[in-house]
Amino acid sequence: MNRSTKMIVGGVLLAWGLASAMVSAKPMWVKKAKELGYPAQNCMYCHTVKLPKKDEAKKELNDRGKWLVAQMEKKQAKEVDLAWLKDYPGGKEQK
């Protein structure tokens, strides 16, 4: 491979890596919430928009999302644990 081909391949890999980093694994939280038995259908389970942008995600939290972040801070955790939803106030329809 010549130098310019290596640079192009490297640039593509770098761009792909940056794009992957920007798309967080958080959508997997919807799957995890479903596995735990909660009625999550999309990101709006915890956010006010269907697909929040990473840099805006904390500004776009609904009451459930704000509660989870408050629990994370209270427990001094690095990340939200969806198992905490069992303690979310309200009836089953609110979980």
PDB file of N, CA and C in Angstrom:
ATOM      1  N   MET A   1       0.845  -1.176   0.000  1.00  0.00           N
ATOM      2  CA  MET A   1       0.000   0.000   0.000  1.00  0.00           C
ATOM      3  C   MET A   1       0.888   1.235   0.000  1.00  0.00           C
ATOM      4  N   ASN A   2       0.552   2.193  -0.865  1.00  0.00           N
ATOM      5  CA  ASN A   2       1.359   3.411  -0.862  1.00  0.00           C
ATOM      6  C   ASN A   2       0.887   4.355   0.247  1.00  0.00           C
ATOM      7  N   ARG A   3       1.642   5.412   0.447  1.00  0.00           N
ATOM      8  CA  ARG A   3       1.392   6.330   1.564  1.00  0.00           C
ATOM      9  C   ARG A   3       0.009   6.981   1.476  1.00  0.00           C
ATOM     10  N   SER A   4      -0.395   7.419   0.302  1.00  0.00           N
ATOM     11  CA  SER A   4      -1.692   8.102   0.184  1.00  0.00           C
ATOM     12  C   SER A   4      -2.847   7.134   0.445  1.00  0.00           C
ATOM     13  N   THR A   5      -2.718   5.891   0.023  1.00  0.00           N
ATOM     14  CA  THR A   5      -3.761   4.904   0.296  1.00  0.00           C
ATOM     15  C   THR A   5      -3.858   4.646   1.792  1.00  0.00           C
ATOM     16  N   LYS A   6      -2.714   4.558   2.454  1.00  0.00           N
ATOM     17  CA  LYS A   6      -2.703   4.360   3.904  1.00  0.00           C
ATOM     18  C   LYS A   6      -3.370   5.536   4.618  1.00  0.00           C
ATOM     19  N   MET A   7      -3.108   6.743   4.120  1.00  0.00           N
ATOM     20  CA  MET A   7      -3.703   7.928   4.745  1.00  0.00           C
ATOM     21  C   MET A   7      -5.226   7.938   4.552  1.00  0.00           C
ATOM     22  N   ILE A   8      -5.677   7.544   3.378  1.00  0.00           N
ATOM     23  CA  ILE A   8      -7.116   7.495   3.118  1.00  0.00           C
ATOM     24  C   ILE A   8      -7.774   6.453   4.010  1.00  0.00           C
ATOM     25  N   VAL A   9      -7.182   5.265   4.068  1.00  0.00           N
ATOM     26  CA  VAL A   9      -7.727   4.195   4.909  1.00  0.00           C
ATOM     27  C   VAL A   9      -7.717   4.639   6.371  1.00  0.00           C
ATOM     28  N   GLY A  10      -6.622   5.247   6.790  1.00  0.00           N
ATOM     29  CA  GLY A  10      -6.532   5.735   8.165  1.00  0.00           C
ATOM     30  C   GLY A  10      -7.586   6.792   8.455  1.00  0.00           C
ATOM     31  N   GLY A  11      -7.806   7.701   7.513  1.00  0.00           N
ATOM     32  CA  GLY A  11      -8.814   8.744   7.678  1.00  0.00           C
ATOM     33  C   GLY A  11     -10.213   8.164   7.787  1.00  0.00           C
ATOM     34  N   VAL A  12     -10.494   7.175   6.945  1.00  0.00           N
ATOM     35  CA  VAL A  12     -11.804   6.529   6.993  1.00  0.00           C
ATOM     36  C   VAL A  12     -11.999   5.835   8.330  1.00  0.00           C
ATOM     37  N   LEU A  13     -10.986   5.119   8.789  1.00  0.00           N
ATOM     38  CA  LEU A  13     -11.086   4.427  10.081  1.00  0.00           C
ATOM     39  C   LEU A  13     -11.244   5.418  11.227  1.00  0.00           C
ATOM     40  N   LEU A  14     -10.520   6.522  11.165  1.00  0.00           N
ATOM     41  CA  LEU A  14     -10.632   7.541  12.200  1.00  0.00           C
ATOM     42  C   LEU A  14     -12.036   8.140  12.209  1.00  0.00           C
ATOM     43  N   ALA A  15     -12.547   8.473  11.039  1.00  0.00           N
ATOM     44  CA  ALA A  15     -13.902   9.029  10.941  1.00  0.00           C
ATOM     45  C   ALA A  15     -14.929   8.035  11.456  1.00  0.00           C
ATOM     46  N   TRP A  16     -14.768   6.774  11.110  1.00  0.00           N
ATOM     47  CA  TRP A  16     -15.698   5.744  11.578  1.00  0.00           C
ATOM     48  C   TRP A  16     -15.641   5.634  13.094  1.00  0.00           C
ATOM     49  N   GLY A  17     -14.422   5.662  13.641  1.00  0.00           N
ATOM     50  CA  GLY A  17     -14.257   5.570  15.091  1.00  0.00           C
ATOM     51  C   GLY A  17     -14.885   6.751  15.813  1.00  0.00           C
ATOM     52  N   LEU A  18     -14.717   7.946  15.274  1.00  0.00           N
ATOM     53  CA  LEU A  18     -15.316   9.125  15.890  1.00  0.00           C
ATOM     54  C   LEU A  18     -16.837   9.071  15.810  1.00  0.00           C
ATOM     55  N   ALA A  19     -17.340   8.635  14.676  1.00  0.00           N
ATOM     56  CA  ALA A  19     -18.795   8.516  14.521  1.00  0.00           C
ATOM     57  C   ALA A  19     -19.343   7.484  15.498  1.00  0.00           C
ATOM     58  N   SER A  20     -18.624   6.394  15.677  1.00  0.00           N
ATOM     59  CA  SER A  20     -19.062   5.356  16.619  1.00  0.00           C
ATOM     60  C   SER A  20     -19.069   5.884  18.038  1.00  0.00           C
ATOM     61  N   ALA A  21     -18.085   6.699  18.375  1.00  0.00           N
ATOM     62  CA  ALA A  21     -18.011   7.254  19.723  1.00  0.00           C
ATOM     63  C   ALA A  21     -19.164   8.221  19.965  1.00  0.00           C
ATOM     64  N   MET A  22     -19.574   8.952  18.925  1.00  0.00           N
ATOM     65  CA  MET A  22     -20.657   9.904  19.070  1.00  0.00           C
ATOM     66  C   MET A  22     -21.989   9.195  19.250  1.00  0.00           C
ATOM     67  N   VAL A  23     -22.157   8.058  18.625  1.00  0.00           N
ATOM     68  CA  VAL A  23     -23.382   7.281  18.787  1.00  0.00           C
ATOM     69  C   VAL A  23     -23.151   6.365  19.975  1.00  0.00           C
ATOM     70  N   SER A  24     -23.610   6.805  21.101  1.00  0.00           N
ATOM     71  CA  SER A  24     -23.376   6.079  22.339  1.00  0.00           C
ATOM     72  C   SER A  24     -24.137   4.761  22.363  1.00  0.00           C
ATOM     73  N   ALA A  25     -23.748   3.909  23.272  1.00  0.00           N
ATOM     74  CA  ALA A  25     -24.433   2.621  23.431  1.00  0.00           C
ATOM     75  C   ALA A  25     -25.739   2.796  24.188  1.00  0.00           C
ATOM     76  N   LYS A  26     -26.123   4.003  24.490  1.00  0.00           N
ATOM     77  CA  LYS A  26     -27.324   4.248  25.280  1.00  0.00           C
ATOM     78  C   LYS A  26     -28.595   3.691  24.644  1.00  0.00           C
ATOM     79  N   PRO A  27     -28.720   3.663  23.307  1.00  0.00           N
ATOM     80  CA  PRO A  27     -29.928   3.026  22.764  1.00  0.00           C
ATOM     81  C   PRO A  27     -30.080   1.580  23.242  1.00  0.00           C
ATOM     82  N   MET A  28     -29.004   0.968  23.644  1.00  0.00           N
ATOM     83  CA  MET A  28     -29.093  -0.379  24.204  1.00  0.00           C
ATOM     84  C   MET A  28     -29.870  -0.362  25.520  1.00  0.00           C
ATOM     85  N   TRP A  29     -29.989   0.816  26.119  1.00  0.00           N
ATOM     86  CA  TRP A  29     -30.744   0.916  27.360  1.00  0.00           C
ATOM     87  C   TRP A  29     -32.216   0.622  27.127  1.00  0.00           C
ATOM     88  N   VAL A  30     -32.717   0.965  25.943  1.00  0.00           N
ATOM     89  CA  VAL A  30     -34.114   0.644  25.632  1.00  0.00           C
ATOM     90  C   VAL A  30     -34.284  -0.872  25.653  1.00  0.00           C
ATOM     91  N   LYS A  31     -33.356  -1.560  25.037  1.00  0.00           N
ATOM     92  CA  LYS A  31     -33.403  -3.028  25.015  1.00  0.00           C
ATOM     93  C   LYS A  31     -33.319  -3.580  26.440  1.00  0.00           C
ATOM     94  N   LYS A  32     -32.408  -3.035  27.230  1.00  0.00           N
ATOM     95  CA  LYS A  32     -32.245  -3.514  28.606  1.00  0.00           C
ATOM     96  C   LYS A  32     -33.511  -3.248  29.419  1.00  0.00           C
ATOM     97  N   ALA A  33     -34.120  -2.072  29.244  1.00  0.00           N
ATOM     98  CA  ALA A  33     -35.347  -1.757  29.969  1.00  0.00           C
ATOM     99  C   ALA A  33     -36.445  -2.759  29.605  1.00  0.00           C
ATOM    100  N   LYS A  34     -36.538  -3.101  28.322  1.00  0.00           N
ATOM    101  CA  LYS A  34     -37.520  -4.104  27.891  1.00  0.00           C
ATOM    102  C   LYS A  34     -37.236  -5.449  28.544  1.00  0.00           C
ATOM    103  N   GLU A  35     -35.950  -5.828  28.582  1.00  0.00           N
ATOM    104  CA  GLU A  35     -35.567  -7.102  29.196  1.00  0.00           C
ATOM    105  C   GLU A  35     -35.939  -7.140  30.679  1.00  0.00           C
ATOM    106  N   LEU A  36     -35.897  -5.973  31.323  1.00  0.00           N
ATOM    107  CA  LEU A  36     -36.258  -5.888  32.742  1.00  0.00           C
ATOM    108  C   LEU A  36     -37.775  -5.814  32.948  1.00  0.00           C
ATOM    109  N   GLY A  37     -38.519  -5.790  31.838  1.00  0.00           N
ATOM    110  CA  GLY A  37     -39.976  -5.808  31.932  1.00  0.00           C
ATOM    111  C   GLY A  37     -40.646  -4.448  31.881  1.00  0.00           C
ATOM    112  N   TYR A  38     -39.913  -3.400  31.544  1.00  0.00           N
ATOM    113  CA  TYR A  38     -40.489  -2.064  31.461  1.00  0.00           C
ATOM    114  C   TYR A  38     -40.968  -1.787  30.043  1.00  0.00           C
ATOM    115  N   PRO A  39     -41.995  -0.949  29.880  1.00  0.00           N
ATOM    116  CA  PRO A  39     -42.600  -0.730  28.562  1.00  0.00           C
ATOM    117  C   PRO A  39     -41.874   0.272  27.673  1.00  0.00           C
ATOM    118  N   ALA A  40     -40.568   0.274  27.688  1.00  0.00           N
ATOM    119  CA  ALA A  40     -39.791   1.194  26.845  1.00  0.00           C
ATOM    120  C   ALA A  40     -39.939   0.798  25.375  1.00  0.00           C
ATOM    121  N   GLN A  41     -40.248   1.774  24.545  1.00  0.00           N
ATOM    122  CA  GLN A  41     -40.364   1.535  23.110  1.00  0.00           C
ATOM    123  C   GLN A  41     -39.261   2.245  22.331  1.00  0.00           C
ATOM    124  N   ASN A  42     -38.773   3.363  22.895  1.00  0.00           N
ATOM    125  CA  ASN A  42     -37.705   4.128  22.258  1.00  0.00           C
ATOM    126  C   ASN A  42     -37.083   5.035  23.319  1.00  0.00           C
ATOM    127  N   CYS A  43     -36.264   5.953  22.891  1.00  0.00           N
ATOM    128  CA  CYS A  43     -35.557   6.828  23.828  1.00  0.00           C
ATOM    129  C   CYS A  43     -36.493   7.735  24.625  1.00  0.00           C
ATOM    130  N   MET A  44     -37.726   7.914  24.111  1.00  0.00           N
ATOM    131  CA  MET A  44     -38.677   8.768  24.816  1.00  0.00           C
ATOM    132  C   MET A  44     -39.132   8.162  26.146  1.00  0.00           C
ATOM    133  N   TYR A  45     -38.679   6.978  26.433  1.00  0.00           N
ATOM    134  CA  TYR A  45     -38.972   6.391  27.741  1.00  0.00           C
ATOM    135  C   TYR A  45     -38.329   7.252  28.834  1.00  0.00           C
ATOM    136  N   CYS A  46     -37.174   7.847  28.532  1.00  0.00           N
ATOM    137  CA  CYS A  46     -36.475   8.697  29.491  1.00  0.00           C
ATOM    138  C   CYS A  46     -36.198  10.112  28.970  1.00  0.00           C
ATOM    139  N   HIS A  47     -36.431  10.335  27.684  1.00  0.00           N
ATOM    140  CA  HIS A  47     -36.158  11.639  27.074  1.00  0.00           C
ATOM    141  C   HIS A  47     -37.431  12.242  26.495  1.00  0.00           C
ATOM    142  N   THR A  48     -37.354  13.516  26.149  1.00  0.00           N
ATOM    143  CA  THR A  48     -38.507  14.205  25.567  1.00  0.00           C
ATOM    144  C   THR A  48     -38.513  14.132  24.046  1.00  0.00           C
ATOM    145  N   VAL A  49     -37.455  13.608  23.464  1.00  0.00           N
ATOM    146  CA  VAL A  49     -37.375  13.446  22.009  1.00  0.00           C
ATOM    147  C   VAL A  49     -37.051  11.996  21.690  1.00  0.00           C
ATOM    148  N   LYS A  50     -37.433  11.563  20.495  1.00  0.00           N
ATOM    149  CA  LYS A  50     -37.291  10.157  20.122  1.00  0.00           C
ATOM    150  C   LYS A  50     -35.835   9.735  19.974  1.00  0.00           C
ATOM    151  N   LEU A  51     -34.981  10.626  19.490  1.00  0.00           N
ATOM    152  CA  LEU A  51     -33.577  10.303  19.296  1.00  0.00           C
ATOM    153  C   LEU A  51     -32.728  11.501  19.711  1.00  0.00           C
ATOM    154  N   PRO A  52     -32.426  11.623  21.002  1.00  0.00           N
ATOM    155  CA  PRO A  52     -31.662  12.786  21.477  1.00  0.00           C
ATOM    156  C   PRO A  52     -30.227  12.766  20.965  1.00  0.00           C
ATOM    157  N   LYS A  53     -29.724  13.952  20.668  1.00  0.00           N
ATOM    158  CA  LYS A  53     -28.316  14.084  20.279  1.00  0.00           C
ATOM    159  C   LYS A  53     -27.491  14.021  21.553  1.00  0.00           C
ATOM    160  N   LYS A  54     -26.329  13.413  21.454  1.00  0.00           N
ATOM    161  CA  LYS A  54     -25.506  13.166  22.640  1.00  0.00           C
ATOM    162  C   LYS A  54     -25.262  14.437  23.449  1.00  0.00           C
ATOM    163  N   ASP A  55     -24.938  15.535  22.766  1.00  0.00           N
ATOM    164  CA  ASP A  55     -24.626  16.763  23.501  1.00  0.00           C
ATOM    165  C   ASP A  55     -25.865  17.451  24.078  1.00  0.00           C
ATOM    166  N   GLU A  56     -27.049  17.048  23.668  1.00  0.00           N
ATOM    167  CA  GLU A  56     -28.294  17.625  24.163  1.00  0.00           C
ATOM    168  C   GLU A  56     -29.070  16.666  25.071  1.00  0.00           C
ATOM    169  N   ALA A  57     -28.625  15.440  25.176  1.00  0.00           N
ATOM    170  CA  ALA A  57     -29.392  14.386  25.848  1.00  0.00           C
ATOM    171  C   ALA A  57     -29.786  14.746  27.279  1.00  0.00           C
ATOM    172  N   LYS A  58     -28.887  15.330  28.047  1.00  0.00           N
ATOM    173  CA  LYS A  58     -29.218  15.655  29.440  1.00  0.00           C
ATOM    174  C   LYS A  58     -30.226  16.790  29.541  1.00  0.00           C
ATOM    175  N   LYS A  59     -30.295  17.629  28.511  1.00  0.00           N
ATOM    176  CA  LYS A  59     -31.265  18.726  28.507  1.00  0.00           C
ATOM    177  C   LYS A  59     -32.647  18.231  28.084  1.00  0.00           C
ATOM    178  N   GLU A  60     -32.707  17.067  27.487  1.00  0.00           N
ATOM    179  CA  GLU A  60     -33.944  16.541  26.925  1.00  0.00           C
ATOM    180  C   GLU A  60     -34.493  15.358  27.726  1.00  0.00           C
ATOM    181  N   LEU A  61     -34.309  15.384  29.026  1.00  0.00           N
ATOM    182  CA  LEU A  61     -34.812  14.311  29.879  1.00  0.00           C
ATOM    183  C   LEU A  61     -36.244  14.587  30.314  1.00  0.00           C
ATOM    184  N   ASN A  62     -37.061  13.537  30.365  1.00  0.00           N
ATOM    185  CA  ASN A  62     -38.389  13.671  30.940  1.00  0.00           C
ATOM    186  C   ASN A  62     -38.272  13.408  32.448  1.00  0.00           C
ATOM    187  N   ASP A  63     -39.387  13.338  33.147  1.00  0.00           N
ATOM    188  CA  ASP A  63     -39.339  13.147  34.606  1.00  0.00           C
ATOM    189  C   ASP A  63     -38.617  11.855  34.995  1.00  0.00           C
ATOM    190  N   ARG A  64     -38.864  10.778  34.250  1.00  0.00           N
ATOM    191  CA  ARG A  64     -38.221   9.497  34.546  1.00  0.00           C
ATOM    192  C   ARG A  64     -36.702   9.611  34.371  1.00  0.00           C
ATOM    193  N   GLY A  65     -36.292  10.235  33.276  1.00  0.00           N
ATOM    194  CA  GLY A  65     -34.864  10.405  33.025  1.00  0.00           C
ATOM    195  C   GLY A  65     -34.199  11.274  34.076  1.00  0.00           C
ATOM    196  N   LYS A  66     -34.879  12.355  34.466  1.00  0.00           N
ATOM    197  CA  LYS A  66     -34.332  13.232  35.514  1.00  0.00           C
ATOM    198  C   LYS A  66     -34.205  12.472  36.828  1.00  0.00           C
ATOM    199  N   TRP A  67     -35.191  11.630  37.111  1.00  0.00           N
ATOM    200  CA  TRP A  67     -35.152  10.835  38.338  1.00  0.00           C
ATOM    201  C   TRP A  67     -33.970   9.873  38.312  1.00  0.00           C
ATOM    202  N   LEU A  68     -33.761   9.222  37.170  1.00  0.00           N
ATOM    203  CA  LEU A  68     -32.630   8.285  37.058  1.00  0.00           C
ATOM    204  C   LEU A  68     -31.294   9.002  37.250  1.00  0.00           C
ATOM    205  N   VAL A  69     -31.155  10.193  36.660  1.00  0.00           N
ATOM    206  CA  VAL A  69     -29.911  10.957  36.825  1.00  0.00           C
ATOM    207  C   VAL A  69     -29.739  11.357  38.284  1.00  0.00           C
ATOM    208  N   ALA A  70     -30.829  11.761  38.936  1.00  0.00           N
ATOM    209  CA  ALA A  70     -30.751  12.109  40.359  1.00  0.00           C
ATOM    210  C   ALA A  70     -30.319  10.905  41.192  1.00  0.00           C
ATOM    211  N   GLN A  71     -30.826   9.715  40.849  1.00  0.00           N
ATOM    212  CA  GLN A  71     -30.418   8.496  41.556  1.00  0.00           C
ATOM    213  C   GLN A  71     -28.931   8.217  41.336  1.00  0.00           C
ATOM    214  N   MET A  72     -28.469   8.431  40.113  1.00  0.00           N
ATOM    215  CA  MET A  72     -27.059   8.203  39.798  1.00  0.00           C
ATOM    216  C   MET A  72     -26.182   9.127  40.658  1.00  0.00           C
ATOM    217  N   GLU A  73     -26.585  10.391  40.753  1.00  0.00           N
ATOM    218  CA  GLU A  73     -25.822  11.336  41.566  1.00  0.00           C
ATOM    219  C   GLU A  73     -25.902  10.984  43.046  1.00  0.00           C
ATOM    220  N   LYS A  74     -27.087  10.616  43.496  1.00  0.00           N
ATOM    221  CA  LYS A  74     -27.285  10.243  44.899  1.00  0.00           C
ATOM    222  C   LYS A  74     -26.431   9.028  45.278  1.00  0.00           C
ATOM    223  N   LYS A  75     -26.361   8.067  44.367  1.00  0.00           N
ATOM    224  CA  LYS A  75     -25.601   6.843  44.620  1.00  0.00           C
ATOM    225  C   LYS A  75     -24.138   6.969  44.218  1.00  0.00           C
ATOM    226  N   GLN A  76     -23.779   8.140  43.698  1.00  0.00           N
ATOM    227  CA  GLN A  76     -22.417   8.416  43.233  1.00  0.00           C
ATOM    228  C   GLN A  76     -21.938   7.350  42.249  1.00  0.00           C
ATOM    229  N   ALA A  77     -22.839   6.972  41.357  1.00  0.00           N
ATOM    230  CA  ALA A  77     -22.524   5.968  40.335  1.00  0.00           C
ATOM    231  C   ALA A  77     -21.988   6.669  39.089  1.00  0.00           C
ATOM    232  N   LYS A  78     -21.229   5.946  38.301  1.00  0.00           N
ATOM    233  CA  LYS A  78     -20.693   6.495  37.063  1.00  0.00           C
ATOM    234  C   LYS A  78     -21.725   6.496  35.951  1.00  0.00           C
ATOM    235  N   GLU A  79     -22.697   5.591  36.053  1.00  0.00           N
ATOM    236  CA  GLU A  79     -23.691   5.432  35.005  1.00  0.00           C
ATOM    237  C   GLU A  79     -25.027   5.038  35.623  1.00  0.00           C
ATOM    238  N   VAL A  80     -26.083   5.364  34.924  1.00  0.00           N
ATOM    239  CA  VAL A  80     -27.428   4.990  35.372  1.00  0.00           C
ATOM    240  C   VAL A  80     -27.569   3.468  35.331  1.00  0.00           C
ATOM    241  N   ASP A  81     -28.246   2.934  36.330  1.00  0.00           N
ATOM    242  CA  ASP A  81     -28.558   1.510  36.365  1.00  0.00           C
ATOM    243  C   ASP A  81     -30.068   1.380  36.222  1.00  0.00           C
ATOM    244  N   LEU A  82     -30.509   0.774  35.138  1.00  0.00           N
ATOM    245  CA  LEU A  82     -31.941   0.679  34.877  1.00  0.00           C
ATOM    246  C   LEU A  82     -32.684  -0.167  35.896  1.00  0.00           C
ATOM    247  N   ALA A  83     -31.990  -0.944  36.675  1.00  0.00           N
ATOM    248  CA  ALA A  83     -32.636  -1.712  37.743  1.00  0.00           C
ATOM    249  C   ALA A  83     -33.246  -0.770  38.773  1.00  0.00           C
ATOM    250  N   TRP A  84     -32.763   0.473  38.839  1.00  0.00           N
ATOM    251  CA  TRP A  84     -33.319   1.452  39.774  1.00  0.00           C
ATOM    252  C   TRP A  84     -34.769   1.780  39.441  1.00  0.00           C
ATOM    253  N   LEU A  85     -35.194   1.512  38.212  1.00  0.00           N
ATOM    254  CA  LEU A  85     -36.569   1.826  37.816  1.00  0.00           C
ATOM    255  C   LEU A  85     -37.601   1.142  38.713  1.00  0.00           C
ATOM    256  N   LYS A  86     -37.233   0.051  39.337  1.00  0.00           N
ATOM    257  CA  LYS A  86     -38.179  -0.630  40.234  1.00  0.00           C
ATOM    258  C   LYS A  86     -38.573   0.284  41.384  1.00  0.00           C
ATOM    259  N   ASP A  87     -37.740   1.274  41.711  1.00  0.00           N
ATOM    260  CA  ASP A  87     -38.011   2.203  42.801  1.00  0.00           C
ATOM    261  C   ASP A  87     -38.610   3.524  42.324  1.00  0.00           C
ATOM    262  N   TYR A  88     -38.830   3.656  40.995  1.00  0.00           N
ATOM    263  CA  TYR A  88     -39.384   4.885  40.457  1.00  0.00           C
ATOM    264  C   TYR A  88     -40.789   5.099  41.018  1.00  0.00           C
ATOM    265  N   PRO A  89     -41.084   6.295  41.516  1.00  0.00           N
ATOM    266  CA  PRO A  89     -42.398   6.534  42.124  1.00  0.00           C
ATOM    267  C   PRO A  89     -43.539   6.393  41.112  1.00  0.00           C
ATOM    268  N   GLY A  90     -44.670   5.989  41.602  1.00  0.00           N
ATOM    269  CA  GLY A  90     -45.849   5.831  40.763  1.00  0.00           C
ATOM    270  C   GLY A  90     -46.196   4.371  40.595  1.00  0.00           C
ATOM    271  N   GLY A  91     -47.328   4.115  40.016  1.00  0.00           N
ATOM    272  CA  GLY A  91     -47.779   2.740  39.794  1.00  0.00           C
ATOM    273  C   GLY A  91     -47.035   2.090  38.654  1.00  0.00           C
ATOM    274  N   LYS A  92     -47.413   0.868  38.340  1.00  0.00           N
ATOM    275  CA  LYS A  92     -46.748   0.107  37.292  1.00  0.00           C
ATOM    276  C   LYS A  92     -46.767   0.840  35.961  1.00  0.00           C
ATOM    277  N   GLU A  93     -47.848   1.561  35.671  1.00  0.00           N
ATOM    278  CA  GLU A  93     -47.927   2.302  34.412  1.00  0.00           C
ATOM    279  C   GLU A  93     -46.899   3.431  34.341  1.00  0.00           C
ATOM    280  N   GLN A  94     -46.397   3.856  35.493  1.00  0.00           N
ATOM    281  CA  GLN A  94     -45.381   4.913  35.533  1.00  0.00           C
ATOM    282  C   GLN A  94     -43.966   4.374  35.407  1.00  0.00           C
ATOM    283  N   LYS A  95     -43.805   3.093  35.627  1.00  0.00           N
ATOM    284  CA  LYS A  95     -42.467   2.494  35.582  1.00  0.00           C
ATOM    285  C   LYS A  95     -42.018   2.519  34.163  1.00  0.00           C
TER     286      LYS A  95
END
